[in-house]
Amino acid sequence: MGRSIWGFGIDLYRGIVHDWQPEPRLGVAYNVKKTNTVLRVSYSRVLETPFNENLILSSVGATNPVVLDVIGGNSLQAPLRSGQRNQFNAGFEQAFGKFLVVDADYLWKFTHNAFDFSTFANTPIFFPISWRVQKSDGPSVRVSMPNYHGFTAFAVLAHFRRGTSRHRLPALALVSRGERS
């Protein structure tokens, strides 16, 4: 027996920059009755917004002469734009008798303008940074015991790999004068 779920939304972002994006979602699952296995795949597209902490400093620092002088900002870029992510998932769920269920999944994320945090020199001040392109992927497995007289148990194992390419320097570059990254 197969089942599909789909959805559609529109995300509006009104921060320092304004952006919007349609967000389609689609999921398909198939139950193999003979083995009691559920196979599934899904796709979603989402709008990624920069973290709010010190977003103003990060976004307008490139135009501020004091900030430029403190960090030698010949590589500053502003403002931070929102990002777009395409995510794909594939997985299965398999029951072994009444007391053990294994749920495994693999995900792939492809993000344009991915976000993270960085710090301002050697201070506790942190701010958002972005990469032009980020690819992330990895498996996860959950082994669980369904409810048995009020007792349940589970274990989750996961591995996540993140890679960036065509790195964009952060809005507040963390290089001292004379250094290049």
N, C-alpha and C. Protein backbone atom coordinates (compact mmCIF):
# COMPACT_ATOMS: atom_id res chain seq x y z
N MET A 1 0.84 -1.17 0.00
CA MET A 1 0.00 0.00 0.00
C MET A 1 0.89 1.24 0.00
N GLY A 2 0.69 2.14 -0.93
CA GLY A 2 1.49 3.35 -1.03
C GLY A 2 0.71 4.58 -0.57
N ARG A 3 1.45 5.58 -0.15
CA ARG A 3 0.82 6.81 0.31
C ARG A 3 1.73 7.98 -0.04
N SER A 4 1.13 9.06 -0.50
CA SER A 4 1.92 10.26 -0.78
C SER A 4 1.34 11.43 -0.01
N ILE A 5 2.22 12.29 0.42
CA ILE A 5 1.83 13.51 1.14
C ILE A 5 2.53 14.66 0.44
N TRP A 6 1.81 15.70 0.16
CA TRP A 6 2.43 16.87 -0.46
C TRP A 6 1.92 18.13 0.22
N GLY A 7 2.69 19.16 0.09
CA GLY A 7 2.32 20.44 0.68
C GLY A 7 3.00 21.57 -0.06
N PHE A 8 2.50 22.73 0.17
CA PHE A 8 3.07 23.91 -0.48
C PHE A 8 2.87 25.09 0.46
N GLY A 9 3.88 25.89 0.59
CA GLY A 9 3.80 27.09 1.40
C GLY A 9 4.63 28.19 0.78
N ILE A 10 4.46 29.37 1.29
CA ILE A 10 5.27 30.51 0.87
C ILE A 10 5.83 31.13 2.14
N ASP A 11 7.14 31.31 2.17
CA ASP A 11 7.80 31.89 3.34
C ASP A 11 8.18 33.33 3.02
N LEU A 12 7.82 34.25 3.90
CA LEU A 12 8.18 35.66 3.77
C LEU A 12 9.15 36.02 4.88
N TYR A 13 10.27 36.63 4.54
CA TYR A 13 11.26 37.06 5.52
C TYR A 13 11.38 38.58 5.43
N ARG A 14 11.16 39.23 6.54
CA ARG A 14 11.25 40.69 6.59
C ARG A 14 12.22 41.11 7.70
N GLY A 15 13.50 40.81 7.48
CA GLY A 15 14.55 41.21 8.41
C GLY A 15 15.21 42.46 7.87
N ILE A 16 16.52 42.50 7.94
CA ILE A 16 17.25 43.63 7.36
C ILE A 16 17.09 43.62 5.85
N VAL A 17 17.07 42.44 5.27
CA VAL A 17 16.75 42.28 3.85
C VAL A 17 15.37 41.65 3.76
N HIS A 18 14.73 41.81 2.65
CA HIS A 18 13.41 41.21 2.43
C HIS A 18 13.55 40.11 1.38
N ASP A 19 12.90 38.97 1.65
CA ASP A 19 12.97 37.87 0.71
C ASP A 19 11.72 37.02 0.86
N TRP A 20 11.43 36.24 -0.15
CA TRP A 20 10.32 35.29 -0.11
C TRP A 20 10.68 34.11 -0.99
N GLN A 21 9.99 33.00 -0.77
CA GLN A 21 10.27 31.81 -1.56
C GLN A 21 9.10 30.83 -1.46
N PRO A 22 8.72 30.23 -2.58
CA PRO A 22 7.76 29.13 -2.51
C PRO A 22 8.44 27.91 -1.89
N GLU A 23 7.70 27.13 -1.10
CA GLU A 23 8.28 25.99 -0.40
C GLU A 23 7.47 24.72 -0.64
N PRO A 24 7.77 24.02 -1.73
CA PRO A 24 7.06 22.75 -1.97
C PRO A 24 7.63 21.63 -1.09
N ARG A 25 6.76 20.70 -0.74
CA ARG A 25 7.16 19.50 0.01
C ARG A 25 6.43 18.31 -0.58
N LEU A 26 7.14 17.18 -0.65
CA LEU A 26 6.54 15.96 -1.18
C LEU A 26 7.15 14.77 -0.46
N GLY A 27 6.30 13.85 -0.06
CA GLY A 27 6.76 12.63 0.58
C GLY A 27 5.98 11.44 0.05
N VAL A 28 6.66 10.33 -0.16
CA VAL A 28 6.02 9.11 -0.63
C VAL A 28 6.48 7.97 0.26
N ALA A 29 5.52 7.15 0.71
CA ALA A 29 5.84 5.98 1.53
C ALA A 29 5.12 4.77 0.96
N TYR A 30 5.75 3.63 1.10
CA TYR A 30 5.16 2.38 0.61
C TYR A 30 5.33 1.31 1.67
N ASN A 31 4.24 0.64 2.04
CA ASN A 31 4.26 -0.41 3.04
C ASN A 31 4.32 -1.76 2.33
N VAL A 32 5.41 -2.48 2.52
CA VAL A 32 5.55 -3.82 1.96
C VAL A 32 4.90 -4.77 2.97
N LYS A 33 3.67 -5.17 2.71
CA LYS A 33 2.89 -5.96 3.66
C LYS A 33 3.57 -7.28 4.02
N LYS A 34 4.17 -7.93 3.04
CA LYS A 34 4.76 -9.25 3.26
C LYS A 34 5.83 -9.22 4.35
N THR A 35 6.64 -8.15 4.38
CA THR A 35 7.73 -8.06 5.36
C THR A 35 7.46 -7.03 6.44
N ASN A 36 6.33 -6.33 6.36
CA ASN A 36 5.98 -5.26 7.30
C ASN A 36 7.06 -4.17 7.32
N THR A 37 7.53 -3.82 6.13
CA THR A 37 8.56 -2.78 5.97
C THR A 37 7.92 -1.55 5.34
N VAL A 38 8.28 -0.38 5.83
CA VAL A 38 7.83 0.87 5.23
C VAL A 38 9.04 1.53 4.57
N LEU A 39 8.95 1.77 3.27
CA LEU A 39 9.98 2.48 2.51
C LEU A 39 9.49 3.90 2.28
N ARG A 40 10.40 4.89 2.35
CA ARG A 40 9.95 6.28 2.19
C ARG A 40 11.03 7.15 1.56
N VAL A 41 10.58 8.16 0.83
CA VAL A 41 11.44 9.21 0.29
C VAL A 41 10.69 10.53 0.42
N SER A 42 11.44 11.62 0.54
CA SER A 42 10.78 12.92 0.65
C SER A 42 11.69 14.02 0.12
N TYR A 43 11.08 15.15 -0.20
CA TYR A 43 11.78 16.34 -0.69
C TYR A 43 11.13 17.56 -0.05
N SER A 44 11.95 18.53 0.32
CA SER A 44 11.41 19.81 0.78
C SER A 44 12.37 20.93 0.38
N ARG A 45 11.81 22.10 0.18
CA ARG A 45 12.59 23.30 -0.10
C ARG A 45 12.21 24.32 0.96
N VAL A 46 13.20 24.90 1.63
CA VAL A 46 12.92 25.85 2.70
C VAL A 46 13.77 27.09 2.56
N LEU A 47 13.27 28.17 3.11
CA LEU A 47 13.99 29.44 3.16
C LEU A 47 14.80 29.48 4.45
N GLU A 48 16.10 29.66 4.35
CA GLU A 48 16.98 29.76 5.51
C GLU A 48 17.19 31.23 5.84
N THR A 49 16.97 31.60 7.08
CA THR A 49 17.18 33.00 7.48
C THR A 49 18.40 33.09 8.38
N PRO A 50 19.13 34.20 8.34
CA PRO A 50 20.31 34.34 9.20
C PRO A 50 19.89 34.38 10.68
N PHE A 51 20.82 33.97 11.55
CA PHE A 51 20.57 34.07 12.98
C PHE A 51 20.41 35.53 13.37
N ASN A 52 19.57 35.82 14.34
CA ASN A 52 19.28 37.20 14.73
C ASN A 52 20.36 37.83 15.60
N GLU A 53 21.14 37.04 16.32
CA GLU A 53 22.14 37.58 17.23
C GLU A 53 23.15 38.43 16.47
N ASN A 54 23.23 39.69 16.80
CA ASN A 54 24.16 40.64 16.20
C ASN A 54 24.04 40.71 14.68
N LEU A 55 22.86 40.49 14.19
CA LEU A 55 22.62 40.56 12.74
C LEU A 55 22.87 41.97 12.21
N ILE A 56 22.53 42.97 12.99
CA ILE A 56 22.75 44.36 12.54
C ILE A 56 24.25 44.62 12.38
N LEU A 57 25.05 44.22 13.38
CA LEU A 57 26.50 44.39 13.28
C LEU A 57 27.04 43.64 12.07
N SER A 58 26.55 42.43 11.88
CA SER A 58 27.02 41.61 10.77
C SER A 58 26.61 42.17 9.42
N SER A 59 25.43 42.75 9.35
CA SER A 59 24.92 43.21 8.06
C SER A 59 25.33 44.62 7.70
N VAL A 60 25.50 45.50 8.67
CA VAL A 60 25.85 46.88 8.33
C VAL A 60 27.29 47.22 8.70
N GLY A 61 28.03 46.22 9.25
CA GLY A 61 29.43 46.47 9.62
C GLY A 61 30.31 46.85 8.46
N ALA A 62 29.97 46.41 7.26
CA ALA A 62 30.81 46.70 6.09
C ALA A 62 30.75 48.16 5.69
N THR A 63 29.75 48.86 6.18
CA THR A 63 29.64 50.28 5.83
C THR A 63 30.04 51.19 7.00
N ASN A 64 30.43 50.60 8.13
CA ASN A 64 30.79 51.38 9.31
C ASN A 64 32.30 51.55 9.38
N PRO A 65 32.81 52.81 9.33
CA PRO A 65 34.26 53.01 9.33
C PRO A 65 34.94 52.52 10.59
N VAL A 66 34.28 52.56 11.76
CA VAL A 66 34.90 52.07 13.00
C VAL A 66 35.10 50.56 12.92
N VAL A 67 34.08 49.84 12.49
CA VAL A 67 34.19 48.39 12.37
C VAL A 67 35.24 48.04 11.32
N LEU A 68 35.25 48.75 10.22
CA LEU A 68 36.25 48.49 9.17
C LEU A 68 37.66 48.68 9.70
N ASP A 69 37.87 49.71 10.54
CA ASP A 69 39.20 49.98 11.07
C ASP A 69 39.62 48.93 12.09
N VAL A 70 38.68 48.48 12.92
CA VAL A 70 39.01 47.50 13.95
C VAL A 70 39.42 46.16 13.35
N ILE A 71 38.72 45.70 12.33
CA ILE A 71 39.02 44.37 11.80
C ILE A 71 39.69 44.40 10.43
N GLY A 72 40.01 45.54 9.92
CA GLY A 72 40.68 45.60 8.62
C GLY A 72 39.79 45.04 7.53
N GLY A 73 38.60 45.56 7.46
CA GLY A 73 37.54 44.94 6.67
C GLY A 73 37.57 45.12 5.19
N ASN A 74 38.68 44.84 4.52
CA ASN A 74 38.67 44.94 3.07
C ASN A 74 37.88 43.79 2.42
N SER A 75 37.47 42.80 3.21
CA SER A 75 36.74 41.67 2.65
C SER A 75 35.31 41.57 3.19
N LEU A 76 34.80 42.62 3.82
CA LEU A 76 33.47 42.57 4.38
C LEU A 76 32.40 42.56 3.29
N GLN A 77 31.34 41.83 3.56
CA GLN A 77 30.19 41.79 2.65
C GLN A 77 28.94 42.03 3.48
N ALA A 78 28.05 42.83 2.99
CA ALA A 78 26.81 43.10 3.71
C ALA A 78 25.73 43.43 2.70
N PRO A 79 24.51 43.28 3.02
CA PRO A 79 23.98 42.58 4.19
C PRO A 79 23.89 41.08 3.92
N LEU A 80 23.64 40.30 4.98
CA LEU A 80 23.45 38.86 4.82
C LEU A 80 22.09 38.61 4.18
N ARG A 81 22.07 37.85 3.12
CA ARG A 81 20.82 37.51 2.43
C ARG A 81 20.30 36.18 2.97
N SER A 82 19.03 35.93 2.80
CA SER A 82 18.48 34.64 3.20
C SER A 82 19.00 33.55 2.26
N GLY A 83 18.91 32.31 2.71
CA GLY A 83 19.40 31.18 1.93
C GLY A 83 18.27 30.27 1.49
N GLN A 84 18.58 29.37 0.57
CA GLN A 84 17.61 28.41 0.07
C GLN A 84 18.18 27.01 0.25
N ARG A 85 17.36 26.10 0.80
CA ARG A 85 17.80 24.73 1.03
C ARG A 85 16.88 23.75 0.32
N ASN A 86 17.48 22.80 -0.40
CA ASN A 86 16.78 21.64 -0.93
C ASN A 86 17.21 20.44 -0.10
N GLN A 87 16.24 19.73 0.47
CA GLN A 87 16.56 18.58 1.30
C GLN A 87 15.85 17.34 0.79
N PHE A 88 16.62 16.24 0.70
CA PHE A 88 16.10 14.95 0.26
C PHE A 88 16.33 13.94 1.37
N ASN A 89 15.33 13.11 1.65
CA ASN A 89 15.44 12.05 2.64
C ASN A 89 15.00 10.73 2.01
N ALA A 90 15.67 9.65 2.41
CA ALA A 90 15.26 8.31 2.00
C ALA A 90 15.47 7.39 3.20
N GLY A 91 14.51 6.51 3.44
CA GLY A 91 14.66 5.65 4.60
C GLY A 91 13.68 4.50 4.62
N PHE A 92 13.75 3.75 5.72
CA PHE A 92 12.84 2.63 5.89
C PHE A 92 12.57 2.43 7.38
N GLU A 93 11.50 1.73 7.67
CA GLU A 93 11.17 1.31 9.03
C GLU A 93 10.83 -0.17 8.98
N GLN A 94 11.44 -0.93 9.87
CA GLN A 94 11.24 -2.38 9.88
C GLN A 94 10.98 -2.84 11.30
N ALA A 95 9.88 -3.55 11.49
CA ALA A 95 9.57 -4.16 12.78
C ALA A 95 10.11 -5.58 12.80
N PHE A 96 10.70 -5.96 13.94
CA PHE A 96 11.17 -7.32 14.16
C PHE A 96 10.37 -7.86 15.35
N GLY A 97 9.32 -8.59 15.05
CA GLY A 97 8.44 -9.08 16.11
C GLY A 97 7.67 -7.92 16.73
N LYS A 98 7.27 -8.09 18.00
CA LYS A 98 6.48 -7.06 18.69
C LYS A 98 7.35 -6.07 19.46
N PHE A 99 8.63 -6.39 19.68
CA PHE A 99 9.40 -5.62 20.64
C PHE A 99 10.60 -4.88 20.08
N LEU A 100 10.78 -4.85 18.78
CA LEU A 100 11.92 -4.14 18.23
C LEU A 100 11.56 -3.51 16.89
N VAL A 101 11.85 -2.22 16.76
CA VAL A 101 11.61 -1.49 15.51
C VAL A 101 12.89 -0.75 15.14
N VAL A 102 13.32 -0.90 13.89
CA VAL A 102 14.49 -0.18 13.38
C VAL A 102 14.00 0.82 12.35
N ASP A 103 14.39 2.08 12.54
CA ASP A 103 14.02 3.16 11.65
C ASP A 103 15.31 3.81 11.16
N ALA A 104 15.60 3.69 9.88
CA ALA A 104 16.85 4.23 9.32
C ALA A 104 16.54 5.27 8.26
N ASP A 105 17.40 6.28 8.16
CA ASP A 105 17.16 7.39 7.25
C ASP A 105 18.50 7.92 6.75
N TYR A 106 18.52 8.42 5.53
CA TYR A 106 19.69 9.11 5.00
C TYR A 106 19.20 10.44 4.44
N LEU A 107 19.91 11.52 4.75
CA LEU A 107 19.47 12.83 4.27
C LEU A 107 20.58 13.51 3.49
N TRP A 108 20.16 14.32 2.54
CA TRP A 108 21.04 15.17 1.75
C TRP A 108 20.48 16.58 1.80
N LYS A 109 21.32 17.55 2.18
CA LYS A 109 20.90 18.95 2.20
C LYS A 109 21.83 19.74 1.28
N PHE A 110 21.25 20.50 0.39
CA PHE A 110 22.00 21.37 -0.51
C PHE A 110 21.52 22.80 -0.25
N THR A 111 22.39 23.63 0.31
CA THR A 111 22.00 24.96 0.73
C THR A 111 22.82 26.01 0.01
N HIS A 112 22.17 27.02 -0.51
CA HIS A 112 22.83 28.20 -1.06
C HIS A 112 22.65 29.30 -0.03
N ASN A 113 23.74 29.85 0.46
CA ASN A 113 23.75 30.83 1.53
C ASN A 113 23.43 30.18 2.87
N ALA A 114 24.27 29.25 3.30
CA ALA A 114 24.11 28.57 4.58
C ALA A 114 24.69 29.44 5.70
N PHE A 115 24.16 29.28 6.90
CA PHE A 115 24.55 30.16 8.01
C PHE A 115 25.21 29.41 9.15
N ASP A 116 26.06 30.12 9.87
CA ASP A 116 26.72 29.61 11.07
C ASP A 116 27.09 30.84 11.92
N PHE A 117 27.83 30.61 13.01
CA PHE A 117 28.27 31.71 13.87
C PHE A 117 29.78 31.87 13.78
N SER A 118 30.25 33.08 14.04
CA SER A 118 31.66 33.36 14.21
C SER A 118 31.79 34.35 15.36
N THR A 119 33.02 34.59 15.81
CA THR A 119 33.23 35.53 16.91
C THR A 119 34.01 36.74 16.43
N PHE A 120 33.84 37.83 17.13
CA PHE A 120 34.52 39.08 16.82
C PHE A 120 35.86 39.09 17.53
N ALA A 121 36.95 38.86 16.76
CA ALA A 121 38.32 38.81 17.28
C ALA A 121 38.37 37.85 18.47
N ASN A 122 38.94 38.26 19.61
CA ASN A 122 39.02 37.42 20.80
C ASN A 122 38.01 37.87 21.85
N THR A 123 36.81 38.18 21.44
CA THR A 123 35.78 38.66 22.37
C THR A 123 34.63 37.65 22.42
N PRO A 124 33.74 37.82 23.41
CA PRO A 124 32.56 36.95 23.45
C PRO A 124 31.45 37.41 22.51
N ILE A 125 31.73 38.38 21.67
CA ILE A 125 30.72 38.87 20.72
C ILE A 125 30.69 37.92 19.52
N PHE A 126 29.51 37.41 19.22
CA PHE A 126 29.38 36.51 18.07
C PHE A 126 28.33 37.07 17.12
N PHE A 127 28.40 36.60 15.88
CA PHE A 127 27.53 37.13 14.85
C PHE A 127 27.38 36.09 13.74
N PRO A 128 26.34 36.20 12.93
CA PRO A 128 26.14 35.22 11.86
C PRO A 128 27.08 35.44 10.69
N ILE A 129 27.46 34.33 10.06
CA ILE A 129 28.24 34.35 8.83
C ILE A 129 27.54 33.45 7.83
N SER A 130 27.94 33.51 6.57
CA SER A 130 27.29 32.66 5.57
C SER A 130 28.31 32.09 4.59
N TRP A 131 27.92 30.97 3.99
CA TRP A 131 28.68 30.35 2.90
C TRP A 131 27.81 30.40 1.66
N ARG A 132 28.44 30.50 0.52
CA ARG A 132 27.67 30.50 -0.73
C ARG A 132 26.97 29.17 -0.95
N VAL A 133 27.69 28.06 -0.78
CA VAL A 133 27.12 26.74 -1.04
C VAL A 133 27.54 25.80 0.09
N GLN A 134 26.60 25.01 0.57
CA GLN A 134 26.89 24.00 1.58
C GLN A 134 26.17 22.71 1.21
N LYS A 135 26.89 21.59 1.30
CA LYS A 135 26.29 20.28 1.08
C LYS A 135 26.48 19.48 2.36
N SER A 136 25.38 18.94 2.88
CA SER A 136 25.41 18.14 4.09
C SER A 136 24.71 16.83 3.82
N ASP A 137 25.21 15.77 4.41
CA ASP A 137 24.53 14.49 4.27
C ASP A 137 24.91 13.59 5.43
N GLY A 138 24.13 12.53 5.62
CA GLY A 138 24.45 11.58 6.66
C GLY A 138 23.31 10.65 7.00
N PRO A 139 23.66 9.50 7.60
CA PRO A 139 22.65 8.53 8.00
C PRO A 139 22.24 8.71 9.46
N SER A 140 21.08 8.20 9.79
CA SER A 140 20.65 8.09 11.18
C SER A 140 19.86 6.80 11.34
N VAL A 141 19.99 6.18 12.50
CA VAL A 141 19.29 4.94 12.80
C VAL A 141 18.72 5.04 14.20
N ARG A 142 17.47 4.69 14.33
CA ARG A 142 16.82 4.65 15.63
C ARG A 142 16.33 3.22 15.85
N VAL A 143 16.76 2.63 16.96
CA VAL A 143 16.31 1.31 17.35
C VAL A 143 15.45 1.51 18.59
N SER A 144 14.22 1.05 18.52
CA SER A 144 13.31 1.29 19.65
C SER A 144 12.52 0.06 20.02
N MET A 145 12.06 0.09 21.26
CA MET A 145 11.18 -0.95 21.77
C MET A 145 9.83 -0.29 22.02
N PRO A 146 8.79 -0.73 21.32
CA PRO A 146 7.47 -0.15 21.56
C PRO A 146 7.01 -0.38 23.00
N ASN A 147 5.98 0.32 23.39
CA ASN A 147 5.45 0.26 24.74
C ASN A 147 5.15 -1.18 25.16
N TYR A 148 5.77 -1.58 26.26
CA TYR A 148 5.54 -2.91 26.82
C TYR A 148 5.25 -2.73 28.32
N HIS A 149 3.99 -2.77 28.69
CA HIS A 149 3.55 -2.58 30.07
C HIS A 149 4.09 -1.26 30.65
N GLY A 150 4.03 -0.19 29.85
CA GLY A 150 4.46 1.12 30.31
C GLY A 150 5.94 1.39 30.18
N PHE A 151 6.71 0.47 29.68
CA PHE A 151 8.16 0.64 29.53
C PHE A 151 8.51 0.75 28.06
N THR A 152 9.29 1.76 27.70
CA THR A 152 9.80 1.91 26.33
C THR A 152 11.30 2.20 26.41
N ALA A 153 12.00 1.93 25.33
CA ALA A 153 13.43 2.21 25.27
C ALA A 153 13.80 2.50 23.81
N PHE A 154 14.84 3.31 23.62
CA PHE A 154 15.32 3.55 22.26
C PHE A 154 16.78 4.00 22.30
N ALA A 155 17.43 3.85 21.18
CA ALA A 155 18.80 4.34 20.99
C ALA A 155 18.86 4.96 19.60
N VAL A 156 19.58 6.08 19.47
CA VAL A 156 19.71 6.77 18.20
C VAL A 156 21.19 6.89 17.86
N LEU A 157 21.53 6.51 16.65
CA LEU A 157 22.89 6.65 16.15
C LEU A 157 22.83 7.50 14.90
N ALA A 158 23.76 8.46 14.78
CA ALA A 158 23.73 9.33 13.60
C ALA A 158 25.15 9.79 13.27
N HIS A 159 25.33 10.10 12.03
CA HIS A 159 26.58 10.69 11.56
C HIS A 159 26.20 11.78 10.57
N PHE A 160 26.82 12.94 10.70
CA PHE A 160 26.48 14.06 9.83
C PHE A 160 27.76 14.65 9.28
N ARG A 161 27.79 14.83 7.98
CA ARG A 161 28.96 15.39 7.30
C ARG A 161 28.55 16.69 6.64
N ARG A 162 29.33 17.73 6.87
CA ARG A 162 29.02 19.02 6.27
C ARG A 162 30.23 19.51 5.50
N GLY A 163 29.98 19.94 4.28
CA GLY A 163 31.05 20.49 3.48
C GLY A 163 30.62 21.81 2.86
N THR A 164 31.56 22.70 2.71
CA THR A 164 31.26 23.98 2.08
C THR A 164 32.14 24.13 0.86
N SER A 165 31.66 24.87 -0.08
CA SER A 165 32.47 25.18 -1.25
C SER A 165 32.23 26.63 -1.63
N ARG A 166 33.16 27.17 -2.36
CA ARG A 166 33.08 28.58 -2.75
C ARG A 166 32.75 29.43 -1.52
N HIS A 167 33.59 29.30 -0.49
CA HIS A 167 33.39 29.96 0.79
C HIS A 167 33.28 31.47 0.63
N ARG A 168 32.28 32.03 1.21
CA ARG A 168 32.14 33.48 1.26
C ARG A 168 32.70 33.93 2.60
N LEU A 169 33.52 34.93 2.59
CA LEU A 169 34.03 35.45 3.84
C LEU A 169 32.88 35.99 4.66
N PRO A 170 32.98 35.90 5.98
CA PRO A 170 31.89 36.38 6.81
C PRO A 170 31.70 37.87 6.66
N ALA A 171 30.54 38.32 7.08
CA ALA A 171 30.25 39.75 7.00
C ALA A 171 31.28 40.53 7.81
N LEU A 172 31.74 39.98 8.91
CA LEU A 172 32.84 40.57 9.67
C LEU A 172 34.01 39.61 9.57
N ALA A 173 34.90 39.84 8.65
CA ALA A 173 36.00 38.91 8.41
C ALA A 173 36.93 38.86 9.60
N LEU A 174 37.37 37.67 9.96
CA LEU A 174 38.22 37.49 11.12
C LEU A 174 39.68 37.31 10.73
N VAL A 175 40.16 38.18 9.88
CA VAL A 175 41.57 38.12 9.49
C VAL A 175 42.22 39.40 9.95
N SER A 176 43.42 39.26 10.48
CA SER A 176 44.12 40.47 10.90
C SER A 176 44.74 41.13 9.68
N ARG A 177 45.15 42.36 9.82
CA ARG A 177 45.71 43.09 8.68
C ARG A 177 46.94 42.34 8.16
N GLY A 178 47.03 42.22 6.86
CA GLY A 178 48.16 41.56 6.24
C GLY A 178 47.90 40.07 5.99
N GLU A 179 46.91 39.48 6.67
CA GLU A 179 46.56 38.07 6.44
C GLU A 179 45.47 37.98 5.40
N ARG A 180 45.47 36.93 4.66
CA ARG A 180 44.40 36.66 3.68
C ARG A 180 43.91 35.24 3.92
N SER A 181 42.62 35.03 3.76
CA SER A 181 42.10 33.67 3.90
C SER A 181 41.72 33.12 2.54
